[in-house]
N, C-alpha and C. Protein backbone atom coordinates (compact mmCIF):
# COMPACT_ATOMS: atom_id res chain seq x y z
N MET A 1 -10.16 2.46 14.56
CA MET A 1 -11.52 2.22 14.09
C MET A 1 -12.16 1.08 14.87
N GLY A 2 -11.93 1.05 16.17
CA GLY A 2 -12.56 0.06 17.01
C GLY A 2 -11.73 -1.18 17.24
N CYS A 3 -10.60 -1.29 16.59
CA CYS A 3 -9.74 -2.46 16.75
C CYS A 3 -8.95 -2.31 18.05
N LYS A 4 -9.00 -3.35 18.88
CA LYS A 4 -8.24 -3.30 20.12
C LYS A 4 -6.76 -3.44 19.81
N GLN A 5 -5.99 -2.53 20.35
CA GLN A 5 -4.55 -2.58 20.12
C GLN A 5 -3.89 -3.40 21.21
N ASP A 6 -2.94 -4.19 20.81
CA ASP A 6 -2.17 -4.99 21.74
C ASP A 6 -0.91 -4.20 22.10
N PRO A 7 -0.80 -3.73 23.33
CA PRO A 7 0.37 -2.92 23.70
C PRO A 7 1.67 -3.70 23.61
N LYS A 8 1.59 -5.04 23.61
CA LYS A 8 2.78 -5.86 23.51
C LYS A 8 3.21 -6.07 22.06
N GLN A 9 2.32 -5.74 21.13
CA GLN A 9 2.64 -5.94 19.72
C GLN A 9 3.56 -4.82 19.24
N ARG A 10 4.66 -5.21 18.70
CA ARG A 10 5.66 -4.24 18.24
C ARG A 10 5.23 -3.62 16.91
N LYS A 11 5.45 -2.32 16.79
CA LYS A 11 5.19 -1.62 15.54
C LYS A 11 6.51 -1.50 14.79
N TRP A 12 6.53 -2.01 13.58
CA TRP A 12 7.76 -2.04 12.79
C TRP A 12 7.76 -0.95 11.74
N THR A 13 8.93 -0.37 11.52
CA THR A 13 9.10 0.55 10.40
C THR A 13 9.54 -0.28 9.19
N MET A 14 9.47 0.31 8.01
CA MET A 14 9.91 -0.39 6.80
C MET A 14 11.40 -0.75 6.92
N ALA A 15 12.18 0.15 7.47
CA ALA A 15 13.62 -0.12 7.63
C ALA A 15 13.86 -1.30 8.57
N GLN A 16 13.09 -1.37 9.66
CA GLN A 16 13.24 -2.48 10.59
C GLN A 16 12.83 -3.80 9.94
N LEU A 17 11.73 -3.79 9.20
CA LEU A 17 11.30 -5.00 8.50
C LEU A 17 12.34 -5.46 7.49
N THR A 18 12.92 -4.50 6.79
CA THR A 18 13.97 -4.83 5.82
C THR A 18 15.15 -5.49 6.51
N ASP A 19 15.55 -4.95 7.65
CA ASP A 19 16.67 -5.54 8.40
C ASP A 19 16.35 -6.96 8.86
N VAL A 20 15.13 -7.19 9.33
CA VAL A 20 14.73 -8.52 9.79
C VAL A 20 14.76 -9.52 8.63
N VAL A 21 14.21 -9.12 7.49
CA VAL A 21 14.20 -10.02 6.32
C VAL A 21 15.63 -10.32 5.87
N ARG A 22 16.46 -9.31 5.84
CA ARG A 22 17.86 -9.53 5.47
C ARG A 22 18.53 -10.51 6.42
N GLU A 23 18.30 -10.33 7.71
CA GLU A 23 18.90 -11.21 8.71
C GLU A 23 18.41 -12.65 8.56
N GLN A 24 17.11 -12.81 8.32
CA GLN A 24 16.54 -14.15 8.23
C GLN A 24 16.87 -14.87 6.93
N THR A 25 17.08 -14.11 5.85
CA THR A 25 17.27 -14.73 4.54
C THR A 25 18.70 -14.67 4.04
N GLY A 26 19.48 -13.74 4.55
CA GLY A 26 20.84 -13.55 4.06
C GLY A 26 20.88 -12.75 2.76
N ILE A 27 19.75 -12.24 2.33
CA ILE A 27 19.70 -11.43 1.11
C ILE A 27 20.29 -10.06 1.41
N GLU A 28 21.17 -9.61 0.54
CA GLU A 28 21.89 -8.36 0.79
C GLU A 28 21.10 -7.13 0.32
N TRP A 29 20.55 -7.19 -0.90
CA TRP A 29 19.85 -6.05 -1.49
C TRP A 29 18.35 -6.16 -1.26
N ALA A 30 17.71 -5.00 -1.08
CA ALA A 30 16.25 -4.93 -0.94
C ALA A 30 15.69 -4.08 -2.07
N PHE A 31 14.61 -4.53 -2.67
CA PHE A 31 13.96 -3.83 -3.77
C PHE A 31 12.55 -3.42 -3.33
N PHE A 32 12.20 -2.17 -3.64
CA PHE A 32 10.91 -1.61 -3.23
C PHE A 32 10.17 -1.06 -4.44
N GLY A 33 8.86 -0.98 -4.34
CA GLY A 33 8.03 -0.47 -5.43
C GLY A 33 7.71 1.01 -5.29
N PHE A 34 8.50 1.75 -4.54
CA PHE A 34 8.26 3.18 -4.37
C PHE A 34 8.44 3.91 -5.71
N LYS A 35 7.59 4.94 -5.93
CA LYS A 35 7.69 5.76 -7.12
C LYS A 35 7.77 7.23 -6.71
N GLN A 36 8.46 8.02 -7.51
CA GLN A 36 8.54 9.45 -7.23
C GLN A 36 7.15 10.09 -7.27
N SER A 37 6.26 9.51 -8.07
CA SER A 37 4.92 10.08 -8.20
C SER A 37 4.02 9.71 -7.02
N ASP A 38 4.48 8.89 -6.09
CA ASP A 38 3.66 8.51 -4.94
C ASP A 38 3.33 9.69 -4.04
N SER A 39 4.34 10.51 -3.77
CA SER A 39 4.14 11.66 -2.88
C SER A 39 5.35 12.58 -2.99
N MET A 40 5.20 13.76 -2.43
CA MET A 40 6.30 14.71 -2.43
C MET A 40 7.48 14.16 -1.63
N ASN A 41 7.19 13.52 -0.49
CA ASN A 41 8.28 12.96 0.33
C ASN A 41 9.04 11.88 -0.43
N ARG A 42 8.31 11.03 -1.15
CA ARG A 42 8.99 9.98 -1.93
C ARG A 42 9.85 10.60 -3.03
N ARG A 43 9.31 11.62 -3.69
CA ARG A 43 10.06 12.29 -4.75
C ARG A 43 11.37 12.84 -4.20
N VAL A 44 11.29 13.54 -3.09
CA VAL A 44 12.50 14.13 -2.49
C VAL A 44 13.48 13.03 -2.11
N MET A 45 12.99 11.96 -1.46
CA MET A 45 13.87 10.87 -1.03
C MET A 45 14.55 10.23 -2.24
N LEU A 46 13.78 9.87 -3.25
CA LEU A 46 14.34 9.15 -4.39
C LEU A 46 15.26 10.02 -5.24
N ARG A 47 15.02 11.29 -5.27
CA ARG A 47 15.89 12.17 -6.06
C ARG A 47 17.21 12.48 -5.39
N THR A 48 17.39 12.05 -4.14
CA THR A 48 18.68 12.25 -3.50
C THR A 48 19.69 11.21 -3.96
N TYR A 49 19.22 10.12 -4.59
CA TYR A 49 20.12 9.09 -5.09
C TYR A 49 20.60 9.49 -6.47
N PRO A 50 21.87 9.24 -6.79
CA PRO A 50 22.43 9.70 -8.06
C PRO A 50 21.61 9.31 -9.30
N ASP A 51 21.11 8.09 -9.33
CA ASP A 51 20.32 7.68 -10.49
C ASP A 51 18.82 7.71 -10.21
N GLY A 52 18.43 8.19 -9.02
CA GLY A 52 17.02 8.28 -8.67
C GLY A 52 16.40 6.95 -8.30
N ALA A 53 17.23 5.90 -8.22
CA ALA A 53 16.64 4.58 -7.97
C ALA A 53 17.49 3.66 -7.09
N THR A 54 18.77 3.97 -6.90
CA THR A 54 19.63 3.03 -6.18
C THR A 54 20.40 3.74 -5.08
N ASN A 55 20.32 3.17 -3.88
CA ASN A 55 21.09 3.68 -2.76
C ASN A 55 22.14 2.63 -2.42
N GLU A 56 23.34 2.84 -2.91
CA GLU A 56 24.44 1.88 -2.72
C GLU A 56 24.76 1.67 -1.24
N LYS A 57 24.73 2.76 -0.47
CA LYS A 57 25.11 2.68 0.94
C LYS A 57 24.17 1.76 1.72
N SER A 58 22.86 1.92 1.52
CA SER A 58 21.90 1.10 2.27
C SER A 58 21.52 -0.17 1.53
N LYS A 59 22.03 -0.32 0.29
CA LYS A 59 21.74 -1.49 -0.54
C LYS A 59 20.23 -1.66 -0.75
N LYS A 60 19.62 -0.53 -1.16
CA LYS A 60 18.19 -0.52 -1.47
C LYS A 60 18.01 0.00 -2.90
N CYS A 61 17.08 -0.62 -3.60
CA CYS A 61 16.85 -0.24 -5.00
C CYS A 61 15.35 -0.01 -5.21
N TYR A 62 15.05 0.99 -6.03
CA TYR A 62 13.68 1.39 -6.31
C TYR A 62 13.48 1.44 -7.84
N PRO A 63 13.34 0.26 -8.47
CA PRO A 63 13.31 0.22 -9.93
C PRO A 63 12.10 0.93 -10.56
N LEU A 64 11.03 1.14 -9.82
CA LEU A 64 9.85 1.81 -10.37
C LEU A 64 9.90 3.33 -10.17
N SER A 65 10.96 3.83 -9.59
CA SER A 65 11.09 5.23 -9.22
C SER A 65 10.62 6.23 -10.28
N PRO A 66 11.07 6.13 -11.54
CA PRO A 66 10.70 7.17 -12.50
C PRO A 66 9.30 7.01 -13.10
N TYR A 67 8.61 5.93 -12.81
CA TYR A 67 7.34 5.65 -13.48
C TYR A 67 6.14 6.16 -12.71
N LYS A 68 5.05 6.37 -13.44
CA LYS A 68 3.77 6.72 -12.85
C LYS A 68 2.89 5.47 -12.87
N ASN A 69 1.81 5.50 -12.11
CA ASN A 69 0.91 4.34 -12.07
C ASN A 69 0.45 3.95 -13.46
N HIS A 70 0.14 4.93 -14.30
CA HIS A 70 -0.32 4.65 -15.66
C HIS A 70 0.73 3.86 -16.44
N ASP A 71 1.99 4.23 -16.31
CA ASP A 71 3.07 3.52 -17.00
C ASP A 71 3.13 2.06 -16.56
N ILE A 72 2.99 1.84 -15.28
CA ILE A 72 3.08 0.49 -14.74
C ILE A 72 1.87 -0.34 -15.18
N LEU A 73 0.68 0.25 -15.16
CA LEU A 73 -0.52 -0.47 -15.61
C LEU A 73 -0.44 -0.81 -17.10
N THR A 74 0.11 0.11 -17.88
CA THR A 74 0.28 -0.14 -19.32
C THR A 74 1.23 -1.32 -19.53
N TYR A 75 2.30 -1.36 -18.78
CA TYR A 75 3.26 -2.47 -18.86
C TYR A 75 2.58 -3.79 -18.48
N ILE A 76 1.85 -3.79 -17.38
CA ILE A 76 1.17 -4.99 -16.91
C ILE A 76 0.21 -5.51 -17.99
N GLU A 77 -0.58 -4.60 -18.55
CA GLU A 77 -1.56 -5.00 -19.57
C GLU A 77 -0.89 -5.48 -20.84
N SER A 78 0.23 -4.84 -21.23
CA SER A 78 0.91 -5.24 -22.47
C SER A 78 1.54 -6.62 -22.36
N ARG A 79 1.81 -7.07 -21.13
CA ARG A 79 2.40 -8.39 -20.91
C ARG A 79 1.36 -9.44 -20.54
N GLY A 80 0.10 -9.04 -20.50
CA GLY A 80 -0.97 -9.98 -20.16
C GLY A 80 -0.93 -10.43 -18.71
N LEU A 81 -0.37 -9.59 -17.84
CA LEU A 81 -0.31 -9.92 -16.42
C LEU A 81 -1.63 -9.56 -15.73
N ILE A 82 -1.82 -10.07 -14.56
CA ILE A 82 -3.04 -9.78 -13.81
C ILE A 82 -2.99 -8.34 -13.31
N THR A 83 -4.01 -7.57 -13.63
CA THR A 83 -4.05 -6.17 -13.21
C THR A 83 -4.57 -6.08 -11.78
N PRO A 84 -4.07 -5.13 -11.02
CA PRO A 84 -4.55 -4.98 -9.64
C PRO A 84 -6.00 -4.49 -9.63
N GLU A 85 -6.73 -4.86 -8.60
CA GLU A 85 -8.11 -4.40 -8.44
C GLU A 85 -8.11 -2.91 -8.19
N ARG A 86 -9.14 -2.25 -8.74
CA ARG A 86 -9.34 -0.82 -8.47
C ARG A 86 -10.76 -0.66 -7.96
N TYR A 87 -10.90 0.14 -6.95
CA TYR A 87 -12.23 0.34 -6.38
C TYR A 87 -12.51 1.82 -6.13
N GLY A 88 -11.88 2.68 -6.89
CA GLY A 88 -12.11 4.10 -6.78
C GLY A 88 -11.12 4.84 -7.65
N GLN A 89 -11.07 6.14 -7.48
CA GLN A 89 -10.21 6.98 -8.31
C GLN A 89 -8.94 7.41 -7.58
N ALA A 90 -8.73 6.92 -6.37
CA ALA A 90 -7.58 7.35 -5.58
C ALA A 90 -6.27 6.91 -6.22
N GLN A 91 -5.22 7.70 -6.00
CA GLN A 91 -3.88 7.37 -6.50
C GLN A 91 -3.39 6.06 -5.90
N SER A 92 -3.55 5.93 -4.60
CA SER A 92 -3.08 4.74 -3.90
C SER A 92 -4.27 3.87 -3.55
N GLN A 93 -4.11 2.59 -3.64
CA GLN A 93 -5.19 1.66 -3.35
C GLN A 93 -4.79 0.74 -2.21
N GLY A 94 -5.75 0.49 -1.32
CA GLY A 94 -5.56 -0.53 -0.31
C GLY A 94 -4.76 -0.16 0.92
N CYS A 95 -4.63 1.12 1.20
CA CYS A 95 -3.84 1.47 2.38
C CYS A 95 -4.67 2.23 3.41
N ASN A 96 -5.98 2.39 3.16
CA ASN A 96 -6.79 3.16 4.09
C ASN A 96 -8.09 2.41 4.35
N ILE A 97 -8.21 1.84 5.52
CA ILE A 97 -9.37 1.04 5.87
C ILE A 97 -10.64 1.88 5.92
N THR A 98 -10.52 3.20 6.00
CA THR A 98 -11.71 4.06 6.06
C THR A 98 -12.11 4.59 4.69
N ASP A 99 -11.50 4.11 3.62
CA ASP A 99 -11.81 4.56 2.27
C ASP A 99 -13.18 4.02 1.85
N LEU A 100 -14.14 4.91 1.63
CA LEU A 100 -15.49 4.51 1.27
C LEU A 100 -15.52 3.67 -0.01
N ASP A 101 -14.75 4.05 -1.01
CA ASP A 101 -14.72 3.28 -2.26
C ASP A 101 -14.29 1.83 -2.01
N TYR A 102 -13.31 1.66 -1.14
CA TYR A 102 -12.85 0.31 -0.79
C TYR A 102 -13.95 -0.49 -0.11
N LEU A 103 -14.62 0.13 0.85
CA LEU A 103 -15.68 -0.56 1.58
C LEU A 103 -16.85 -0.92 0.67
N LEU A 104 -17.21 -0.01 -0.22
CA LEU A 104 -18.29 -0.29 -1.17
C LEU A 104 -17.90 -1.40 -2.14
N TYR A 105 -16.65 -1.40 -2.55
CA TYR A 105 -16.15 -2.45 -3.45
C TYR A 105 -16.24 -3.81 -2.75
N LEU A 106 -15.81 -3.87 -1.52
CA LEU A 106 -15.90 -5.12 -0.77
C LEU A 106 -17.36 -5.56 -0.62
N ARG A 107 -18.24 -4.62 -0.28
CA ARG A 107 -19.65 -4.97 -0.08
C ARG A 107 -20.25 -5.56 -1.35
N GLU A 108 -19.90 -4.98 -2.48
CA GLU A 108 -20.44 -5.42 -3.77
C GLU A 108 -19.82 -6.73 -4.26
N ASN A 109 -18.52 -6.88 -4.07
CA ASN A 109 -17.81 -8.00 -4.69
C ASN A 109 -17.34 -9.09 -3.73
N PHE A 110 -17.04 -8.72 -2.50
CA PHE A 110 -16.49 -9.68 -1.55
C PHE A 110 -17.12 -9.47 -0.16
N PRO A 111 -18.40 -9.75 -0.02
CA PRO A 111 -19.07 -9.50 1.27
C PRO A 111 -18.47 -10.27 2.44
N THR A 112 -17.93 -11.45 2.18
CA THR A 112 -17.29 -12.21 3.26
C THR A 112 -16.07 -11.47 3.78
N ASP A 113 -15.30 -10.88 2.87
CA ASP A 113 -14.13 -10.10 3.28
C ASP A 113 -14.55 -8.84 4.03
N LEU A 114 -15.65 -8.23 3.58
CA LEU A 114 -16.14 -7.05 4.30
C LEU A 114 -16.51 -7.42 5.73
N ARG A 115 -17.15 -8.56 5.92
CA ARG A 115 -17.49 -8.99 7.27
C ARG A 115 -16.23 -9.18 8.12
N LYS A 116 -15.16 -9.68 7.50
CA LYS A 116 -13.89 -9.84 8.23
C LYS A 116 -13.32 -8.49 8.63
N VAL A 117 -13.40 -7.52 7.73
CA VAL A 117 -12.92 -6.17 8.04
C VAL A 117 -13.73 -5.58 9.19
N LEU A 118 -15.05 -5.72 9.11
CA LEU A 118 -15.91 -5.16 10.15
C LEU A 118 -15.71 -5.87 11.49
N ALA A 119 -15.40 -7.15 11.45
CA ALA A 119 -15.13 -7.88 12.69
C ALA A 119 -13.86 -7.35 13.35
N GLU A 120 -12.88 -7.00 12.55
CA GLU A 120 -11.60 -6.50 13.07
C GLU A 120 -11.66 -5.01 13.42
N TYR A 121 -12.43 -4.24 12.61
CA TYR A 121 -12.53 -2.79 12.78
C TYR A 121 -14.00 -2.40 12.85
N PRO A 122 -14.68 -2.65 13.96
CA PRO A 122 -16.14 -2.46 14.02
C PRO A 122 -16.61 -1.03 13.77
N ASN A 123 -15.83 -0.04 14.10
CA ASN A 123 -16.27 1.34 13.91
C ASN A 123 -16.31 1.75 12.44
N VAL A 124 -15.71 0.97 11.57
CA VAL A 124 -15.72 1.27 10.14
C VAL A 124 -17.14 1.18 9.58
N GLU A 125 -17.98 0.38 10.23
CA GLU A 125 -19.36 0.21 9.75
C GLU A 125 -20.11 1.53 9.70
N ARG A 126 -19.74 2.48 10.56
CA ARG A 126 -20.43 3.78 10.55
C ARG A 126 -20.20 4.53 9.24
N ILE A 127 -19.08 4.28 8.59
CA ILE A 127 -18.80 4.93 7.30
C ILE A 127 -19.81 4.47 6.26
N LEU A 128 -20.08 3.17 6.24
CA LEU A 128 -21.09 2.64 5.32
C LEU A 128 -22.48 3.13 5.70
N PHE A 129 -22.77 3.18 6.99
CA PHE A 129 -24.06 3.65 7.47
C PHE A 129 -24.29 5.10 7.03
N GLU A 130 -23.29 5.94 7.23
CA GLU A 130 -23.41 7.35 6.83
C GLU A 130 -23.58 7.48 5.34
N HIS A 131 -22.92 6.64 4.57
CA HIS A 131 -23.09 6.65 3.11
C HIS A 131 -24.51 6.27 2.73
N ASP A 132 -25.06 5.23 3.39
CA ASP A 132 -26.39 4.73 3.04
C ASP A 132 -27.51 5.62 3.53
N TYR A 133 -27.35 6.21 4.71
CA TYR A 133 -28.47 6.92 5.34
C TYR A 133 -28.19 8.39 5.63
N GLY A 134 -27.04 8.89 5.22
CA GLY A 134 -26.69 10.29 5.50
C GLY A 134 -26.22 10.44 6.92
N LYS A 135 -25.70 11.62 7.23
CA LYS A 135 -25.14 11.85 8.58
C LYS A 135 -26.19 12.18 9.58
């Protein structure tokens, strides 16, 4: 979306990041917030583990595996914890810089942050333009 890529910048996978954190911290087990309801691929992956949540061999645990977003939000609210921001009806939030709902939310609530996004990803501005003025 207009962001200049640095060819020298390494692209890390989740597994690589996990290995780096383990090496730097000495922590043996890694815990992730993946849920079976996230996607078909996640469901298949998590259901290969005997309990659907723990992979003893790789020392990875997915304690949220059986829950849906609604279950987790209900838990958060029942404990008086801070609820995550929502800016649309999408299942997943905050992983797509081209999401119109996200951009509109930023424009309405955090214009300074929107300017930072547009500075980093200048072509994203066309999404807002098309929303405001049509294609």
